[in-house]
C-alpha cells in the first residue's frame, strides 16, 4: 500500500472512514479509488448497493464516518514492497520537524505534553527489500521487542497512569519520550 499506519490491526473500512492511518503521507482514505457500499436510497425508500468512483461522492465516501452506508468493498492501489529506515528523535520545534519531510517523507511525530518536546519517528523508504537471513532474524527480534514494549508494557503504563489520576497521567507524559529508543536507525 502507498501508506501505512503505525497500527496494522484496524480494518480498512474503519481506517478510511475516519481519515486516519497514514505514515507521513496522506491518510489511507486519500488513496481510495472506488468504494462499494450498502446505502439507503432516499428516492425509493429502500436499501441499495452503490459504487462511488469519482467526484464529490467518492470524496465523501472516502471519509464518511459511517454516514455513507456499510462499506462492502474498497479498491486501493498497490506499490512494490519497500523497506523503511526509521530513527526516533526528540525535536524542539514544529518548524524543525516540518523540514524533515523533504528527505524523510514517511515521518510521523507527536507532541508530548508536560515534557514539552516533540517525538519524531523519522522514516524514509529504502527501496525494494532484499533481506539476508541475518536481516530476517533482526526483523523478527525487532517485532517481538516492539510487541512486548509497545503492545504490552506501554499499554500497561497507560492503564496504570489513568488509575493514578491526573498526577499519574502527567508523569506518564513526562517519561514517555525518555523511554523511547532514540537516535538509533532501524530498518
C-alpha atoms as a PDB file:
ATOM      1  CA  UNK A   1       0.000   0.000   0.000  1.00  0.00           C
ATOM      2  CA  UNK A   2       1.285   3.509  -0.625  1.00  0.00           C
ATOM      3  CA  UNK A   3       0.922   4.454   3.054  1.00  0.00           C
ATOM      4  CA  UNK A   4       0.557   2.567   6.298  1.00  0.00           C
ATOM      5  CA  UNK A   5      -0.330   3.483   9.822  1.00  0.00           C
ATOM      6  CA  UNK A   6       1.552   2.558  12.948  1.00  0.00           C
ATOM      7  CA  UNK A   7      -1.204   0.088  13.795  1.00  0.00           C
ATOM      8  CA  UNK A   8      -1.896  -2.718  11.357  1.00  0.00           C
ATOM      9  CA  UNK A   9      -4.811  -4.441  13.078  1.00  0.00           C
ATOM     10  CA  UNK A  10      -7.502  -1.935  12.150  1.00  0.00           C
ATOM     11  CA  UNK A  11      -9.977  -2.656   9.374  1.00  0.00           C
ATOM     12  CA  UNK A  12      -9.525  -0.905   6.034  1.00  0.00           C
ATOM     13  CA  UNK A  13     -13.095   0.418   6.124  1.00  0.00           C
ATOM     14  CA  UNK A  14     -12.597   1.796   9.651  1.00  0.00           C
ATOM     15  CA  UNK A  15      -9.281   3.419   8.785  1.00  0.00           C
ATOM     16  CA  UNK A  16     -10.579   5.136   5.665  1.00  0.00           C
ATOM     17  CA  UNK A  17     -13.908   6.131   7.212  1.00  0.00           C
ATOM     18  CA  UNK A  18     -12.108   8.116   9.905  1.00  0.00           C
ATOM     19  CA  UNK A  19      -9.474   9.648   7.616  1.00  0.00           C
ATOM     20  CA  UNK A  20      -6.686   8.231   9.757  1.00  0.00           C
ATOM     21  CA  UNK A  21      -3.664   5.977   9.378  1.00  0.00           C
ATOM     22  CA  UNK A  22      -1.009   7.421   7.164  1.00  0.00           C
ATOM     23  CA  UNK A  23       2.716   7.288   7.665  1.00  0.00           C
ATOM     24  CA  UNK A  24       3.752  10.829   6.835  1.00  0.00           C
ATOM     25  CA  UNK A  25       1.854  10.908   3.586  1.00  0.00           C
ATOM     26  CA  UNK A  26      -1.857  11.460   3.176  1.00  0.00           C
ATOM     27  CA  UNK A  27      -4.139   9.184   5.128  1.00  0.00           C
ATOM     28  CA  UNK A  28      -5.183   5.852   3.707  1.00  0.00           C
ATOM     29  CA  UNK A  29      -8.551   7.288   2.604  1.00  0.00           C
ATOM     30  CA  UNK A  30      -6.774   9.638   0.158  1.00  0.00           C
ATOM     31  CA  UNK A  31      -5.722   6.662  -1.976  1.00  0.00           C
ATOM     32  CA  UNK A  32      -9.149   5.017  -2.306  1.00  0.00           C
ATOM     33  CA  UNK A  33     -10.072   4.618  -5.984  1.00  0.00           C
ATOM     34  CA  UNK A  34     -13.508   3.022  -5.547  1.00  0.00           C
ATOM     35  CA  UNK A  35     -15.923   2.129  -2.753  1.00  0.00           C
ATOM     36  CA  UNK A  36     -18.895  -0.206  -2.936  1.00  0.00           C
ATOM     37  CA  UNK A  37     -21.412   0.315  -0.144  1.00  0.00           C
ATOM     38  CA  UNK A  38     -24.872  -0.715   1.017  1.00  0.00           C
ATOM     39  CA  UNK A  39     -26.760   2.577   1.311  1.00  0.00           C
ATOM     40  CA  UNK A  40     -30.266   3.877   1.912  1.00  0.00           C
ATOM     41  CA  UNK A  41     -31.772   5.154  -1.338  1.00  0.00           C
ATOM     42  CA  UNK A  42     -33.931   8.142  -0.352  1.00  0.00           C
ATOM     43  CA  UNK A  43     -35.743   8.184  -3.719  1.00  0.00           C
ATOM     44  CA  UNK A  44     -37.056   4.621  -3.461  1.00  0.00           C
ATOM     45  CA  UNK A  45     -37.018   4.354   0.339  1.00  0.00           C
ATOM     46  CA  UNK A  46     -35.168   1.047   0.077  1.00  0.00           C
ATOM     47  CA  UNK A  47     -31.613  -0.182   0.633  1.00  0.00           C
ATOM     48  CA  UNK A  48     -29.363  -0.288  -2.424  1.00  0.00           C
ATOM     49  CA  UNK A  49     -25.823  -1.206  -3.410  1.00  0.00           C
ATOM     50  CA  UNK A  50     -23.923   1.767  -4.842  1.00  0.00           C
ATOM     51  CA  UNK A  51     -20.436   2.290  -6.184  1.00  0.00           C
ATOM     52  CA  UNK A  52     -18.574   5.539  -5.671  1.00  0.00           C
ATOM     53  CA  UNK A  53     -15.669   6.005  -8.071  1.00  0.00           C
ATOM     54  CA  UNK A  54     -15.330   9.714  -8.805  1.00  0.00           C
ATOM     55  CA  UNK A  55     -16.249  13.248  -7.887  1.00  0.00           C
ATOM     56  CA  UNK A  56     -17.690  14.571  -4.648  1.00  0.00           C
ATOM     57  CA  UNK A  57     -19.482  11.285  -3.883  1.00  0.00           C
ATOM     58  CA  UNK A  58     -16.165   9.398  -3.797  1.00  0.00           C
ATOM     59  CA  UNK A  59     -14.594  12.155  -1.693  1.00  0.00           C
ATOM     60  CA  UNK A  60     -17.470  11.920   0.788  1.00  0.00           C
ATOM     61  CA  UNK A  61     -17.366   8.112   0.848  1.00  0.00           C
ATOM     62  CA  UNK A  62     -13.588   8.137   1.452  1.00  0.00           C
ATOM     63  CA  UNK A  63     -14.071   9.673   4.878  1.00  0.00           C
ATOM     64  CA  UNK A  64     -17.767   9.171   5.573  1.00  0.00           C
ATOM     65  CA  UNK A  65     -17.562   8.318   9.292  1.00  0.00           C
ATOM     66  CA  UNK A  66     -20.128   5.609   8.631  1.00  0.00           C
ATOM     67  CA  UNK A  67     -22.685   8.060   7.201  1.00  0.00           C
ATOM     68  CA  UNK A  68     -22.390   6.816   3.598  1.00  0.00           C
ATOM     69  CA  UNK A  69     -23.608   3.327   4.437  1.00  0.00           C
ATOM     70  CA  UNK A  70     -21.983  -0.014   5.092  1.00  0.00           C
ATOM     71  CA  UNK A  71     -18.741  -0.411   3.160  1.00  0.00           C
ATOM     72  CA  UNK A  72     -18.716  -3.691   1.247  1.00  0.00           C
ATOM     73  CA  UNK A  73     -15.573  -3.311  -0.889  1.00  0.00           C
ATOM     74  CA  UNK A  74     -12.696  -0.883  -1.292  1.00  0.00           C
ATOM     75  CA  UNK A  75     -10.311  -0.564  -4.221  1.00  0.00           C
ATOM     76  CA  UNK A  76      -6.847   0.702  -3.316  1.00  0.00           C
ATOM     77  CA  UNK A  77      -3.710   0.985  -5.452  1.00  0.00           C
ATOM     78  CA  UNK A  78      -0.668  -1.044  -4.538  1.00  0.00           C
ATOM     79  CA  UNK A  79       3.026  -0.305  -4.845  1.00  0.00           C
ATOM     80  CA  UNK A  80       6.075  -2.555  -4.865  1.00  0.00           C
ATOM     81  CA  UNK A  81       7.111  -3.691  -1.397  1.00  0.00           C
ATOM     82  CA  UNK A  82       9.740  -1.459   0.170  1.00  0.00           C
ATOM     83  CA  UNK A  83      11.830  -1.258   3.313  1.00  0.00           C
ATOM     84  CA  UNK A  84      11.675   1.703   5.666  1.00  0.00           C
ATOM     85  CA  UNK A  85      14.521   3.180   7.685  1.00  0.00           C
ATOM     86  CA  UNK A  86      13.347   4.710  10.977  1.00  0.00           C
ATOM     87  CA  UNK A  87      15.150   6.797  13.572  1.00  0.00           C
ATOM     88  CA  UNK A  88      13.368   8.083  16.679  1.00  0.00           C
ATOM     89  CA  UNK A  89      14.496  11.504  17.897  1.00  0.00           C
ATOM     90  CA  UNK A  90      13.384  14.254  20.221  1.00  0.00           C
ATOM     91  CA  UNK A  91      12.931  17.586  18.447  1.00  0.00           C
ATOM     92  CA  UNK A  92      12.371  21.003  19.961  1.00  0.00           C
ATOM     93  CA  UNK A  93      10.148  22.722  17.385  1.00  0.00           C
ATOM     94  CA  UNK A  94       7.476  22.013  14.812  1.00  0.00           C
ATOM     95  CA  UNK A  95       9.414  24.006  12.182  1.00  0.00           C
ATOM     96  CA  UNK A  96      12.356  21.642  12.673  1.00  0.00           C
ATOM     97  CA  UNK A  97      10.058  18.644  12.149  1.00  0.00           C
ATOM     98  CA  UNK A  98       8.343  20.013   9.051  1.00  0.00           C
ATOM     99  CA  UNK A  99      11.774  20.467   7.469  1.00  0.00           C
ATOM    100  CA  UNK A 100      12.327  16.691   7.667  1.00  0.00           C
ATOM    101  CA  UNK A 101       9.654  15.764   5.124  1.00  0.00           C
ATOM    102  CA  UNK A 102      11.706  16.578   2.016  1.00  0.00           C
ATOM    103  CA  UNK A 103      14.210  13.809   2.780  1.00  0.00           C
ATOM    104  CA  UNK A 104      12.068  11.614   5.046  1.00  0.00           C
ATOM    105  CA  UNK A 105       8.521  11.679   3.631  1.00  0.00           C
ATOM    106  CA  UNK A 106       7.101   8.970   5.908  1.00  0.00           C
ATOM    107  CA  UNK A 107       7.928  10.797   9.132  1.00  0.00           C
ATOM    108  CA  UNK A 108       5.382  10.824  11.953  1.00  0.00           C
ATOM    109  CA  UNK A 109       5.517  12.887  15.122  1.00  0.00           C
ATOM    110  CA  UNK A 110       3.663  13.766  18.280  1.00  0.00           C
ATOM    111  CA  UNK A 111       3.965  16.392  20.959  1.00  0.00           C
ATOM    112  CA  UNK A 112       4.391  15.090  24.483  1.00  0.00           C
ATOM    113  CA  UNK A 113       2.526  17.324  26.930  1.00  0.00           C
ATOM    114  CA  UNK A 114       4.131  18.046  30.307  1.00  0.00           C
ATOM    115  CA  UNK A 115       7.593  17.253  28.917  1.00  0.00           C
ATOM    116  CA  UNK A 116       7.235  19.919  26.195  1.00  0.00           C
ATOM    117  CA  UNK A 117       9.089  18.033  23.484  1.00  0.00           C
ATOM    118  CA  UNK A 118       8.257  16.650  20.068  1.00  0.00           C
ATOM    119  CA  UNK A 119       8.982  12.968  19.475  1.00  0.00           C
ATOM    120  CA  UNK A 120       9.647  12.127  15.826  1.00  0.00           C
ATOM    121  CA  UNK A 121       9.651   8.809  14.030  1.00  0.00           C
ATOM    122  CA  UNK A 122      11.794   9.848  11.067  1.00  0.00           C
ATOM    123  CA  UNK A 123      11.083   7.397   8.272  1.00  0.00           C
ATOM    124  CA  UNK A 124      12.175   7.103   4.679  1.00  0.00           C
ATOM    125  CA  UNK A 125      11.712   4.380   2.079  1.00  0.00           C
ATOM    126  CA  UNK A 126      14.823   2.419   1.128  1.00  0.00           C
ATOM    127  CA  UNK A 127      13.584   0.636  -1.960  1.00  0.00           C
ATOM    128  CA  UNK A 128      12.757  -2.968  -2.631  1.00  0.00           C
ATOM    129  CA  UNK A 129      13.792  -5.284   0.201  1.00  0.00           C
ATOM    130  CA  UNK A 130      16.446  -7.904  -0.295  1.00  0.00           C
ATOM    131  CA  UNK A 131      16.827  -9.376   3.140  1.00  0.00           C
ATOM    132  CA  UNK A 132      19.661 -11.601   4.215  1.00  0.00           C
ATOM    133  CA  UNK A 133      18.929 -14.298   6.775  1.00  0.00           C
ATOM    134  CA  UNK A 134      20.541 -12.033   9.428  1.00  0.00           C
ATOM    135  CA  UNK A 135      18.192  -9.190   8.414  1.00  0.00           C
ATOM    136  CA  UNK A 136      15.209 -11.528   8.736  1.00  0.00           C
ATOM    137  CA  UNK A 137      16.261 -12.579  12.247  1.00  0.00           C
ATOM    138  CA  UNK A 138      16.833  -8.932  13.213  1.00  0.00           C
ATOM    139  CA  UNK A 139      13.378  -8.011  11.865  1.00  0.00           C
ATOM    140  CA  UNK A 140      11.696 -10.792  13.860  1.00  0.00           C
ATOM    141  CA  UNK A 141      13.532  -9.813  17.057  1.00  0.00           C
ATOM    142  CA  UNK A 142      12.518  -6.192  16.490  1.00  0.00           C
ATOM    143  CA  UNK A 143       8.863  -7.242  16.042  1.00  0.00           C
ATOM    144  CA  UNK A 144       8.925  -9.249  19.281  1.00  0.00           C
ATOM    145  CA  UNK A 145      10.568  -6.386  21.192  1.00  0.00           C
ATOM    146  CA  UNK A 146       8.036  -3.968  19.692  1.00  0.00           C
ATOM    147  CA  UNK A 147       5.161  -6.275  20.660  1.00  0.00           C
ATOM    148  CA  UNK A 148       6.351  -6.536  24.263  1.00  0.00           C
ATOM    149  CA  UNK A 149       7.445  -2.887  24.638  1.00  0.00           C
ATOM    150  CA  UNK A 150       4.552  -1.167  22.880  1.00  0.00           C
ATOM    151  CA  UNK A 151       1.618  -3.532  22.890  1.00  0.00           C
ATOM    152  CA  UNK A 152       2.133  -4.793  26.437  1.00  0.00           C
ATOM    153  CA  UNK A 153       4.341  -2.545  28.592  1.00  0.00           C
ATOM    154  CA  UNK A 154       3.260   0.790  27.075  1.00  0.00           C
ATOM    155  CA  UNK A 155      -0.420  -0.072  27.394  1.00  0.00           C
ATOM    156  CA  UNK A 156       0.040  -1.268  30.976  1.00  0.00           C
ATOM    157  CA  UNK A 157       1.677   2.100  31.743  1.00  0.00           C
ATOM    158  CA  UNK A 158      -1.286   3.889  30.142  1.00  0.00           C
ATOM    159  CA  UNK A 159      -3.731   1.936  32.296  1.00  0.00           C
ATOM    160  CA  UNK A 160      -1.667   2.493  35.457  1.00  0.00           C
ATOM    161  CA  UNK A 161      -1.357   6.234  34.799  1.00  0.00           C
ATOM    162  CA  UNK A 162      -5.110   6.552  34.253  1.00  0.00           C
ATOM    163  CA  UNK A 163      -5.813   4.762  37.515  1.00  0.00           C
ATOM    164  CA  UNK A 164      -3.391   7.118  39.310  1.00  0.00           C
ATOM    165  CA  UNK A 165      -5.420  10.107  38.140  1.00  0.00           C
ATOM    166  CA  UNK A 166      -4.145  13.419  36.766  1.00  0.00           C
ATOM    167  CA  UNK A 167      -0.750  13.295  38.551  1.00  0.00           C
ATOM    168  CA  UNK A 168      -0.158   9.836  37.074  1.00  0.00           C
ATOM    169  CA  UNK A 169      -1.103  10.965  33.575  1.00  0.00           C
ATOM    170  CA  UNK A 170       1.216  13.994  33.809  1.00  0.00           C
ATOM    171  CA  UNK A 171       4.078  11.808  34.998  1.00  0.00           C
ATOM    172  CA  UNK A 172       3.375   9.335  32.193  1.00  0.00           C
ATOM    173  CA  UNK A 173       3.630  12.071  29.542  1.00  0.00           C
ATOM    174  CA  UNK A 174       6.862  13.332  31.095  1.00  0.00           C
ATOM    175  CA  UNK A 175       8.570   9.944  30.987  1.00  0.00           C
ATOM    176  CA  UNK A 176       7.290   8.557  27.651  1.00  0.00           C
ATOM    177  CA  UNK A 177       9.823  10.459  25.491  1.00  0.00           C
ATOM    178  CA  UNK A 178      12.622   9.251  27.771  1.00  0.00           C
ATOM    179  CA  UNK A 179      11.538   5.598  27.407  1.00  0.00           C
ATOM    180  CA  UNK A 180      11.840   5.599  23.613  1.00  0.00           C
ATOM    181  CA  UNK A 181      14.986   4.234  21.991  1.00  0.00           C
ATOM    182  CA  UNK A 182      16.355   7.339  20.295  1.00  0.00           C
ATOM    183  CA  UNK A 183      18.976   8.227  17.678  1.00  0.00           C
ATOM    184  CA  UNK A 184      19.182   4.637  16.504  1.00  0.00           C
ATOM    185  CA  UNK A 185      18.379   3.730  12.909  1.00  0.00           C
ATOM    186  CA  UNK A 186      16.229   0.631  12.459  1.00  0.00           C
ATOM    187  CA  UNK A 187      15.486  -0.958   9.108  1.00  0.00           C
END
